[in-house]
Amino acid sequence: MKNKRIRILASGLAALGVFSGFMPSASAALSGSCGMVVSVPHNYVLGTMSGNVSLTTGAFTSNFQFDGAGSVKGVNVLAVIDFNTSTISFNVTNVTIGTPNTYGTSAGSATFTTAAGPLPNSYTITFTPPSSSAMSLNLLPVNSGNTVLVQGTSGSGSALVGVCQAL
């Protein structure tokens, strides 16, 4: 009986030894370049809201503040991120608010700095496009580094989400 317990214990320890070496593969370091597409939520449509509930009727009256006619907002971005030179080149599709809305594009490039990201094996790049506010993108390499998941912020209120595929 005692030998059976020792064999079970030994088998368990051997199994633990085999599995203790198992670790998910680490994300690939950022190198080379990737083609990125990210979308920008249409938060300009939501604007800001304030309101009151009438104590008499219980009705909610609200006040939406929309971006005014002529405001230009980014809709999506097509870019190339070059990790070897720490540069990002981009083309932004913009909408100009109006009746009707009109669309156009603007292109540019910027250098970025790289830091550790918010998750293990992730990175954050930070840059300031010409005539714009600072941007920060969190990058998570997956698929052996061939694909990079992207999330981030643009300026004071836009969120970005997308993917960057190795070129």
N, C-alpha and C. Protein backbone atom coordinates (compact mmCIF):
# COMPACT_ATOMS: atom_id res chain seq x y z
N MET A 1 0.82 -1.18 0.00
CA MET A 1 0.00 0.00 0.00
C MET A 1 0.87 1.25 0.00
N LYS A 2 1.94 1.18 0.81
CA LYS A 2 2.83 2.32 0.91
C LYS A 2 3.54 2.55 -0.42
N ASN A 3 3.96 1.46 -1.10
CA ASN A 3 4.62 1.59 -2.41
C ASN A 3 3.69 2.21 -3.44
N LYS A 4 2.40 1.90 -3.38
CA LYS A 4 1.42 2.45 -4.31
C LYS A 4 1.33 3.96 -4.11
N ARG A 5 1.31 4.42 -2.87
CA ARG A 5 1.26 5.86 -2.58
C ARG A 5 2.51 6.55 -3.10
N ILE A 6 3.66 5.93 -2.93
CA ILE A 6 4.91 6.52 -3.39
C ILE A 6 4.91 6.63 -4.91
N ARG A 7 4.40 5.57 -5.59
CA ARG A 7 4.34 5.61 -7.05
C ARG A 7 3.39 6.70 -7.53
N ILE A 8 2.23 6.86 -6.87
CA ILE A 8 1.27 7.90 -7.24
C ILE A 8 1.88 9.28 -7.02
N LEU A 9 2.55 9.45 -5.87
CA LEU A 9 3.20 10.71 -5.58
C LEU A 9 4.29 11.00 -6.60
N ALA A 10 5.11 9.99 -6.92
CA ALA A 10 6.19 10.16 -7.90
C ALA A 10 5.62 10.49 -9.28
N SER A 11 4.52 9.82 -9.65
CA SER A 11 3.88 10.10 -10.94
C SER A 11 3.36 11.53 -10.98
N GLY A 12 2.75 11.94 -9.88
CA GLY A 12 2.23 13.32 -9.79
C GLY A 12 3.35 14.34 -9.90
N LEU A 13 4.45 14.10 -9.21
CA LEU A 13 5.57 15.03 -9.27
C LEU A 13 6.19 15.06 -10.66
N ALA A 14 6.27 13.90 -11.30
CA ALA A 14 6.81 13.85 -12.67
C ALA A 14 5.91 14.64 -13.61
N ALA A 15 4.59 14.46 -13.46
CA ALA A 15 3.65 15.21 -14.30
C ALA A 15 3.79 16.71 -14.05
N LEU A 16 3.93 17.11 -12.80
CA LEU A 16 4.13 18.52 -12.49
C LEU A 16 5.42 19.04 -13.11
N GLY A 17 6.45 18.21 -13.09
CA GLY A 17 7.71 18.61 -13.70
C GLY A 17 7.57 18.83 -15.19
N VAL A 18 6.81 17.98 -15.87
CA VAL A 18 6.58 18.13 -17.30
C VAL A 18 5.80 19.41 -17.57
N PHE A 19 4.73 19.64 -16.81
CA PHE A 19 3.88 20.79 -17.06
C PHE A 19 4.46 22.09 -16.53
N SER A 20 5.38 22.02 -15.58
CA SER A 20 5.94 23.27 -15.06
C SER A 20 6.76 23.97 -16.12
N GLY A 21 7.27 23.24 -17.11
CA GLY A 21 8.01 23.87 -18.19
C GLY A 21 7.11 24.46 -19.24
N PHE A 22 5.82 24.19 -19.18
CA PHE A 22 4.88 24.71 -20.17
C PHE A 22 4.51 26.14 -19.83
N MET A 23 4.83 27.02 -20.74
CA MET A 23 4.44 28.42 -20.60
C MET A 23 3.95 28.86 -21.97
N PRO A 24 2.90 29.67 -22.02
CA PRO A 24 2.50 30.19 -23.32
C PRO A 24 3.69 30.93 -23.93
N SER A 25 3.84 30.83 -25.23
CA SER A 25 4.99 31.50 -25.85
C SER A 25 4.88 32.99 -25.64
N ALA A 26 6.01 33.60 -25.35
CA ALA A 26 6.04 35.05 -25.12
C ALA A 26 5.73 35.75 -26.43
N SER A 27 5.14 36.92 -26.31
CA SER A 27 4.86 37.72 -27.50
C SER A 27 6.16 38.13 -28.17
N ALA A 28 6.09 38.21 -29.45
CA ALA A 28 7.28 38.60 -30.20
C ALA A 28 7.60 40.07 -29.93
N ALA A 29 8.88 40.38 -29.94
CA ALA A 29 9.30 41.77 -29.81
C ALA A 29 8.85 42.52 -31.05
N LEU A 30 8.64 43.79 -30.90
CA LEU A 30 8.21 44.60 -32.03
C LEU A 30 9.40 44.88 -32.94
N SER A 31 9.30 44.43 -34.17
CA SER A 31 10.35 44.70 -35.16
C SER A 31 9.71 44.69 -36.53
N GLY A 32 10.41 45.23 -37.50
CA GLY A 32 9.86 45.29 -38.85
C GLY A 32 8.78 46.35 -38.93
N SER A 33 7.79 46.11 -39.76
CA SER A 33 6.69 47.06 -39.89
C SER A 33 5.39 46.31 -40.08
N CYS A 34 4.30 47.01 -39.83
CA CYS A 34 2.97 46.41 -40.00
C CYS A 34 2.02 47.44 -40.59
N GLY A 35 1.03 46.94 -41.32
CA GLY A 35 -0.03 47.77 -41.88
C GLY A 35 -1.20 47.76 -40.92
N MET A 36 -1.66 48.95 -40.54
CA MET A 36 -2.69 49.07 -39.50
C MET A 36 -3.95 49.73 -40.06
N VAL A 37 -5.07 49.26 -39.59
CA VAL A 37 -6.33 49.95 -39.81
C VAL A 37 -7.03 50.03 -38.46
N VAL A 38 -7.47 51.21 -38.10
CA VAL A 38 -8.20 51.40 -36.85
C VAL A 38 -9.44 52.24 -37.13
N SER A 39 -10.48 51.99 -36.39
CA SER A 39 -11.69 52.80 -36.52
C SER A 39 -11.82 53.69 -35.30
N VAL A 40 -12.44 54.82 -35.52
CA VAL A 40 -12.67 55.80 -34.46
C VAL A 40 -14.18 55.85 -34.24
N PRO A 41 -14.64 55.57 -33.01
CA PRO A 41 -16.08 55.63 -32.76
C PRO A 41 -16.64 57.01 -33.09
N HIS A 42 -17.86 57.05 -33.49
CA HIS A 42 -18.52 58.31 -33.85
C HIS A 42 -19.03 59.01 -32.60
N ASN A 43 -18.13 59.31 -31.67
CA ASN A 43 -18.58 59.93 -30.43
C ASN A 43 -19.03 61.38 -30.62
N TYR A 44 -18.73 61.98 -31.76
CA TYR A 44 -19.19 63.33 -32.01
C TYR A 44 -20.71 63.38 -32.16
N VAL A 45 -21.33 62.26 -32.49
CA VAL A 45 -22.78 62.22 -32.60
C VAL A 45 -23.41 62.26 -31.22
N LEU A 46 -22.74 61.62 -30.24
CA LEU A 46 -23.30 61.57 -28.90
C LEU A 46 -23.22 62.91 -28.19
N GLY A 47 -22.14 63.64 -28.41
CA GLY A 47 -21.98 64.91 -27.74
C GLY A 47 -22.04 64.74 -26.23
N THR A 48 -22.54 65.74 -25.56
CA THR A 48 -22.71 65.66 -24.11
C THR A 48 -24.18 65.84 -23.80
N MET A 49 -24.61 65.28 -22.70
CA MET A 49 -26.02 65.35 -22.37
C MET A 49 -26.19 65.78 -20.92
N SER A 50 -27.17 66.62 -20.70
CA SER A 50 -27.58 66.96 -19.35
C SER A 50 -29.10 66.96 -19.36
N GLY A 51 -29.72 66.84 -18.23
CA GLY A 51 -31.17 66.81 -18.24
C GLY A 51 -31.74 66.87 -16.85
N ASN A 52 -33.06 66.95 -16.81
CA ASN A 52 -33.79 67.02 -15.55
C ASN A 52 -35.02 66.14 -15.63
N VAL A 53 -35.44 65.64 -14.49
CA VAL A 53 -36.68 64.89 -14.39
C VAL A 53 -37.71 65.81 -13.73
N SER A 54 -38.84 65.98 -14.43
CA SER A 54 -39.89 66.85 -13.90
C SER A 54 -40.54 66.17 -12.69
N LEU A 55 -40.58 66.87 -11.57
CA LEU A 55 -41.23 66.32 -10.38
C LEU A 55 -42.74 66.20 -10.57
N THR A 56 -43.31 67.00 -11.47
CA THR A 56 -44.75 66.98 -11.71
C THR A 56 -45.15 65.84 -12.64
N THR A 57 -44.46 65.72 -13.77
CA THR A 57 -44.87 64.74 -14.77
C THR A 57 -43.97 63.50 -14.81
N GLY A 58 -42.79 63.60 -14.24
CA GLY A 58 -41.85 62.48 -14.30
C GLY A 58 -41.11 62.40 -15.63
N ALA A 59 -41.39 63.36 -16.53
CA ALA A 59 -40.75 63.36 -17.84
C ALA A 59 -39.30 63.81 -17.71
N PHE A 60 -38.48 63.25 -18.55
CA PHE A 60 -37.06 63.61 -18.57
C PHE A 60 -36.83 64.57 -19.73
N THR A 61 -36.34 65.74 -19.45
CA THR A 61 -35.99 66.68 -20.50
C THR A 61 -34.47 66.69 -20.59
N SER A 62 -33.98 66.64 -21.79
CA SER A 62 -32.53 66.55 -21.94
C SER A 62 -32.01 67.62 -22.89
N ASN A 63 -30.74 67.83 -22.81
CA ASN A 63 -30.06 68.79 -23.65
C ASN A 63 -28.82 68.13 -24.21
N PHE A 64 -28.82 67.87 -25.51
CA PHE A 64 -27.65 67.30 -26.17
C PHE A 64 -26.84 68.45 -26.76
N GLN A 65 -25.54 68.32 -26.65
CA GLN A 65 -24.67 69.30 -27.28
C GLN A 65 -23.86 68.57 -28.34
N PHE A 66 -24.18 68.86 -29.58
CA PHE A 66 -23.49 68.21 -30.69
C PHE A 66 -22.33 69.07 -31.15
N ASP A 67 -21.37 68.44 -31.81
CA ASP A 67 -20.33 69.23 -32.45
C ASP A 67 -20.99 70.03 -33.57
N GLY A 68 -20.61 71.27 -33.67
CA GLY A 68 -21.25 72.17 -34.63
C GLY A 68 -20.85 71.91 -36.07
N ALA A 69 -21.63 72.49 -36.97
CA ALA A 69 -21.33 72.40 -38.39
C ALA A 69 -19.93 72.91 -38.64
N GLY A 70 -19.21 72.23 -39.49
CA GLY A 70 -17.84 72.62 -39.80
C GLY A 70 -16.80 71.90 -38.97
N SER A 71 -17.22 71.21 -37.87
CA SER A 71 -16.27 70.45 -37.06
C SER A 71 -15.75 69.28 -37.88
N VAL A 72 -14.45 69.02 -37.79
CA VAL A 72 -13.82 67.93 -38.53
C VAL A 72 -13.42 66.85 -37.53
N LYS A 73 -13.86 65.63 -37.78
CA LYS A 73 -13.58 64.50 -36.88
C LYS A 73 -13.03 63.32 -37.68
N GLY A 74 -12.07 62.60 -37.08
CA GLY A 74 -11.54 61.40 -37.71
C GLY A 74 -12.53 60.26 -37.64
N VAL A 75 -12.60 59.46 -38.70
CA VAL A 75 -13.51 58.32 -38.76
C VAL A 75 -12.73 57.00 -38.71
N ASN A 76 -11.65 56.92 -39.49
CA ASN A 76 -10.79 55.74 -39.48
C ASN A 76 -9.39 56.12 -39.94
N VAL A 77 -8.45 55.21 -39.67
CA VAL A 77 -7.05 55.50 -39.97
C VAL A 77 -6.42 54.28 -40.64
N LEU A 78 -5.69 54.53 -41.71
CA LEU A 78 -4.87 53.52 -42.36
C LEU A 78 -3.43 53.97 -42.15
N ALA A 79 -2.57 53.06 -41.65
CA ALA A 79 -1.21 53.48 -41.30
C ALA A 79 -0.21 52.36 -41.50
N VAL A 80 1.05 52.75 -41.55
CA VAL A 80 2.16 51.82 -41.51
C VAL A 80 3.01 52.21 -40.30
N ILE A 81 3.19 51.24 -39.40
CA ILE A 81 4.05 51.45 -38.24
C ILE A 81 5.38 50.75 -38.52
N ASP A 82 6.46 51.51 -38.49
CA ASP A 82 7.80 50.94 -38.70
C ASP A 82 8.51 50.93 -37.35
N PHE A 83 8.63 49.74 -36.77
CA PHE A 83 9.23 49.62 -35.44
C PHE A 83 10.74 49.80 -35.47
N ASN A 84 11.35 49.55 -36.62
CA ASN A 84 12.81 49.71 -36.72
C ASN A 84 13.22 51.18 -36.71
N THR A 85 12.41 52.05 -37.30
CA THR A 85 12.73 53.48 -37.35
C THR A 85 11.89 54.31 -36.38
N SER A 86 10.99 53.65 -35.65
CA SER A 86 10.08 54.33 -34.70
C SER A 86 9.29 55.44 -35.38
N THR A 87 8.73 55.13 -36.55
CA THR A 87 7.89 56.09 -37.26
C THR A 87 6.54 55.47 -37.61
N ILE A 88 5.54 56.32 -37.68
CA ILE A 88 4.22 55.91 -38.12
C ILE A 88 3.80 56.88 -39.23
N SER A 89 3.37 56.32 -40.35
CA SER A 89 2.84 57.11 -41.48
C SER A 89 1.37 56.76 -41.59
N PHE A 90 0.52 57.77 -41.76
CA PHE A 90 -0.91 57.50 -41.69
C PHE A 90 -1.71 58.33 -42.67
N ASN A 91 -2.90 57.83 -42.97
CA ASN A 91 -3.90 58.53 -43.76
C ASN A 91 -5.21 58.43 -42.99
N VAL A 92 -5.79 59.57 -42.65
CA VAL A 92 -7.00 59.62 -41.83
C VAL A 92 -8.19 59.99 -42.71
N THR A 93 -9.27 59.23 -42.63
CA THR A 93 -10.53 59.63 -43.25
C THR A 93 -11.25 60.52 -42.25
N ASN A 94 -11.59 61.73 -42.68
CA ASN A 94 -12.26 62.71 -41.81
C ASN A 94 -13.67 62.97 -42.29
N VAL A 95 -14.54 63.32 -41.37
CA VAL A 95 -15.86 63.80 -41.71
C VAL A 95 -15.97 65.25 -41.24
N THR A 96 -16.51 66.09 -42.11
CA THR A 96 -16.80 67.47 -41.74
C THR A 96 -18.30 67.54 -41.50
N ILE A 97 -18.68 67.90 -40.27
CA ILE A 97 -20.09 67.92 -39.89
C ILE A 97 -20.81 69.02 -40.67
N GLY A 98 -21.93 68.67 -41.25
CA GLY A 98 -22.72 69.63 -42.02
C GLY A 98 -23.95 68.97 -42.57
N THR A 99 -24.66 69.68 -43.41
CA THR A 99 -25.85 69.12 -44.05
C THR A 99 -25.65 69.22 -45.53
N PRO A 100 -25.21 68.17 -46.19
CA PRO A 100 -24.83 66.87 -45.65
C PRO A 100 -23.39 66.88 -45.13
N ASN A 101 -23.02 65.82 -44.41
CA ASN A 101 -21.63 65.65 -43.99
C ASN A 101 -20.77 65.44 -45.23
N THR A 102 -19.53 65.88 -45.17
CA THR A 102 -18.61 65.64 -46.27
C THR A 102 -17.39 64.91 -45.73
N TYR A 103 -16.76 64.13 -46.59
CA TYR A 103 -15.62 63.31 -46.18
C TYR A 103 -14.38 63.70 -46.97
N GLY A 104 -13.25 63.59 -46.33
CA GLY A 104 -11.98 63.86 -46.96
C GLY A 104 -10.90 63.06 -46.24
N THR A 105 -9.66 63.25 -46.66
CA THR A 105 -8.56 62.55 -46.00
C THR A 105 -7.44 63.53 -45.69
N SER A 106 -6.64 63.16 -44.74
CA SER A 106 -5.42 63.90 -44.42
C SER A 106 -4.34 62.89 -44.10
N ALA A 107 -3.13 63.19 -44.55
CA ALA A 107 -2.01 62.27 -44.35
C ALA A 107 -0.94 62.94 -43.51
N GLY A 108 -0.10 62.11 -42.90
CA GLY A 108 0.99 62.65 -42.11
C GLY A 108 1.88 61.53 -41.61
N SER A 109 2.88 61.92 -40.85
CA SER A 109 3.76 60.95 -40.22
C SER A 109 4.31 61.55 -38.94
N ALA A 110 4.81 60.70 -38.07
CA ALA A 110 5.36 61.15 -36.79
C ALA A 110 6.32 60.09 -36.28
N THR A 111 7.21 60.50 -35.40
CA THR A 111 8.06 59.53 -34.71
C THR A 111 7.39 59.19 -33.39
N PHE A 112 7.66 58.00 -32.88
CA PHE A 112 7.04 57.58 -31.63
C PHE A 112 8.07 57.05 -30.66
N THR A 113 7.66 57.02 -29.39
CA THR A 113 8.46 56.39 -28.35
C THR A 113 7.73 55.13 -27.92
N THR A 114 8.47 54.14 -27.48
CA THR A 114 7.89 52.86 -27.08
C THR A 114 8.17 52.62 -25.60
N ALA A 115 7.15 52.13 -24.89
CA ALA A 115 7.28 51.80 -23.47
C ALA A 115 6.54 50.50 -23.22
N ALA A 116 6.72 49.95 -22.04
CA ALA A 116 5.97 48.75 -21.65
C ALA A 116 4.49 49.10 -21.63
N GLY A 117 3.66 48.16 -22.07
CA GLY A 117 2.22 48.39 -22.13
C GLY A 117 1.51 47.98 -20.85
N PRO A 118 0.18 48.08 -20.85
CA PRO A 118 -0.60 47.80 -19.64
C PRO A 118 -0.76 46.31 -19.33
N LEU A 119 -0.46 45.44 -20.29
CA LEU A 119 -0.58 43.99 -20.10
C LEU A 119 0.79 43.34 -20.28
N PRO A 120 0.98 42.15 -19.73
CA PRO A 120 2.25 41.46 -19.98
C PRO A 120 2.48 41.30 -21.49
N ASN A 121 3.70 41.49 -21.91
CA ASN A 121 4.10 41.35 -23.32
C ASN A 121 3.43 42.34 -24.26
N SER A 122 2.91 43.45 -23.71
CA SER A 122 2.32 44.49 -24.56
C SER A 122 3.22 45.72 -24.53
N TYR A 123 2.97 46.61 -25.46
CA TYR A 123 3.75 47.83 -25.61
C TYR A 123 2.80 49.01 -25.75
N THR A 124 3.31 50.19 -25.47
CA THR A 124 2.56 51.42 -25.71
C THR A 124 3.46 52.35 -26.52
N ILE A 125 2.94 52.81 -27.66
CA ILE A 125 3.67 53.81 -28.42
C ILE A 125 2.94 55.14 -28.26
N THR A 126 3.72 56.21 -28.16
CA THR A 126 3.16 57.54 -27.97
C THR A 126 3.78 58.46 -29.00
N PHE A 127 2.95 59.28 -29.64
CA PHE A 127 3.42 60.22 -30.66
C PHE A 127 2.44 61.37 -30.78
N THR A 128 2.88 62.43 -31.43
CA THR A 128 2.02 63.58 -31.67
C THR A 128 2.00 63.87 -33.17
N PRO A 129 0.87 63.58 -33.82
CA PRO A 129 0.77 63.88 -35.25
C PRO A 129 0.84 65.40 -35.48
N PRO A 130 1.26 65.82 -36.67
CA PRO A 130 1.29 67.25 -36.96
C PRO A 130 -0.09 67.89 -36.75
N SER A 131 -0.12 69.04 -36.16
CA SER A 131 -1.36 69.81 -35.93
C SER A 131 -2.41 69.01 -35.16
N SER A 132 -1.98 68.21 -34.20
CA SER A 132 -2.92 67.40 -33.43
C SER A 132 -2.42 67.23 -32.00
N SER A 133 -3.23 66.58 -31.18
CA SER A 133 -2.82 66.28 -29.81
C SER A 133 -2.12 64.94 -29.75
N ALA A 134 -1.47 64.69 -28.63
CA ALA A 134 -0.73 63.45 -28.43
C ALA A 134 -1.66 62.24 -28.53
N MET A 135 -1.11 61.17 -29.07
CA MET A 135 -1.84 59.91 -29.19
C MET A 135 -1.06 58.82 -28.48
N SER A 136 -1.78 57.84 -28.00
CA SER A 136 -1.17 56.71 -27.32
C SER A 136 -1.87 55.44 -27.79
N LEU A 137 -1.08 54.49 -28.29
CA LEU A 137 -1.63 53.22 -28.76
C LEU A 137 -1.04 52.07 -27.97
N ASN A 138 -1.89 51.23 -27.43
CA ASN A 138 -1.46 49.99 -26.78
C ASN A 138 -1.41 48.91 -27.84
N LEU A 139 -0.30 48.18 -27.89
CA LEU A 139 -0.08 47.16 -28.92
C LEU A 139 0.17 45.81 -28.25
N LEU A 140 -0.54 44.79 -28.70
CA LEU A 140 -0.36 43.44 -28.17
C LEU A 140 -0.06 42.51 -29.34
N PRO A 141 1.23 42.10 -29.50
CA PRO A 141 1.57 41.17 -30.57
C PRO A 141 0.96 39.78 -30.31
N VAL A 142 0.35 39.21 -31.33
CA VAL A 142 -0.21 37.86 -31.27
C VAL A 142 0.19 37.15 -32.55
N ASN A 143 -0.16 35.88 -32.66
CA ASN A 143 0.11 35.13 -33.89
C ASN A 143 1.60 35.19 -34.24
N SER A 144 2.44 34.87 -33.25
CA SER A 144 3.90 34.87 -33.41
C SER A 144 4.43 36.23 -33.86
N GLY A 145 3.74 37.30 -33.49
CA GLY A 145 4.18 38.64 -33.84
C GLY A 145 3.74 39.09 -35.21
N ASN A 146 3.02 38.25 -35.96
CA ASN A 146 2.56 38.63 -37.30
C ASN A 146 1.36 39.56 -37.26
N THR A 147 0.65 39.57 -36.16
CA THR A 147 -0.51 40.43 -35.98
C THR A 147 -0.35 41.18 -34.69
N VAL A 148 -0.73 42.45 -34.69
CA VAL A 148 -0.68 43.26 -33.48
C VAL A 148 -2.07 43.84 -33.24
N LEU A 149 -2.64 43.53 -32.08
CA LEU A 149 -3.93 44.11 -31.70
C LEU A 149 -3.66 45.53 -31.21
N VAL A 150 -4.54 46.46 -31.59
CA VAL A 150 -4.31 47.88 -31.31
C VAL A 150 -5.52 48.47 -30.58
N GLN A 151 -5.25 49.22 -29.52
CA GLN A 151 -6.28 50.02 -28.87
C GLN A 151 -5.60 51.30 -28.41
N GLY A 152 -6.34 52.36 -28.33
CA GLY A 152 -5.69 53.58 -27.88
C GLY A 152 -6.61 54.76 -27.82
N THR A 153 -5.99 55.91 -27.62
CA THR A 153 -6.73 57.16 -27.53
C THR A 153 -6.12 58.17 -28.48
N SER A 154 -6.97 59.05 -28.94
CA SER A 154 -6.54 60.11 -29.83
C SER A 154 -7.01 61.42 -29.25
N GLY A 155 -6.07 62.25 -28.88
CA GLY A 155 -6.46 63.56 -28.35
C GLY A 155 -7.23 63.44 -27.06
N SER A 156 -8.22 64.32 -26.92
CA SER A 156 -8.91 64.42 -25.65
C SER A 156 -10.08 63.48 -25.48
N GLY A 157 -10.60 62.88 -26.57
CA GLY A 157 -11.79 62.10 -26.32
C GLY A 157 -12.08 60.96 -27.27
N SER A 158 -11.24 60.70 -28.24
CA SER A 158 -11.53 59.63 -29.18
C SER A 158 -10.81 58.35 -28.78
N ALA A 159 -11.50 57.25 -28.91
CA ALA A 159 -10.91 55.94 -28.66
C ALA A 159 -10.67 55.28 -30.01
N LEU A 160 -9.66 54.44 -30.08
CA LEU A 160 -9.32 53.75 -31.33
C LEU A 160 -9.24 52.26 -31.06
N VAL A 161 -9.62 51.47 -32.06
CA VAL A 161 -9.46 50.02 -31.96
C VAL A 161 -9.22 49.47 -33.35
N GLY A 162 -8.29 48.52 -33.45
CA GLY A 162 -8.00 47.95 -34.75
C GLY A 162 -6.94 46.87 -34.68
N VAL A 163 -6.30 46.64 -35.82
CA VAL A 163 -5.31 45.59 -35.95
C VAL A 163 -4.20 46.05 -36.90
N CYS A 164 -3.00 45.54 -36.67
CA CYS A 164 -1.85 45.85 -37.51
C CYS A 164 -1.22 44.52 -37.93
N GLN A 165 -1.14 44.29 -39.23
CA GLN A 165 -0.65 43.02 -39.77
C GLN A 165 0.77 43.21 -40.32
N ALA A 166 1.66 42.26 -40.02
CA ALA A 166 3.04 42.35 -40.49
C ALA A 166 3.10 42.51 -42.00
N LEU A 167 4.01 43.36 -42.45
CA LEU A 167 4.19 43.58 -43.90
C LEU A 167 5.31 42.70 -44.42
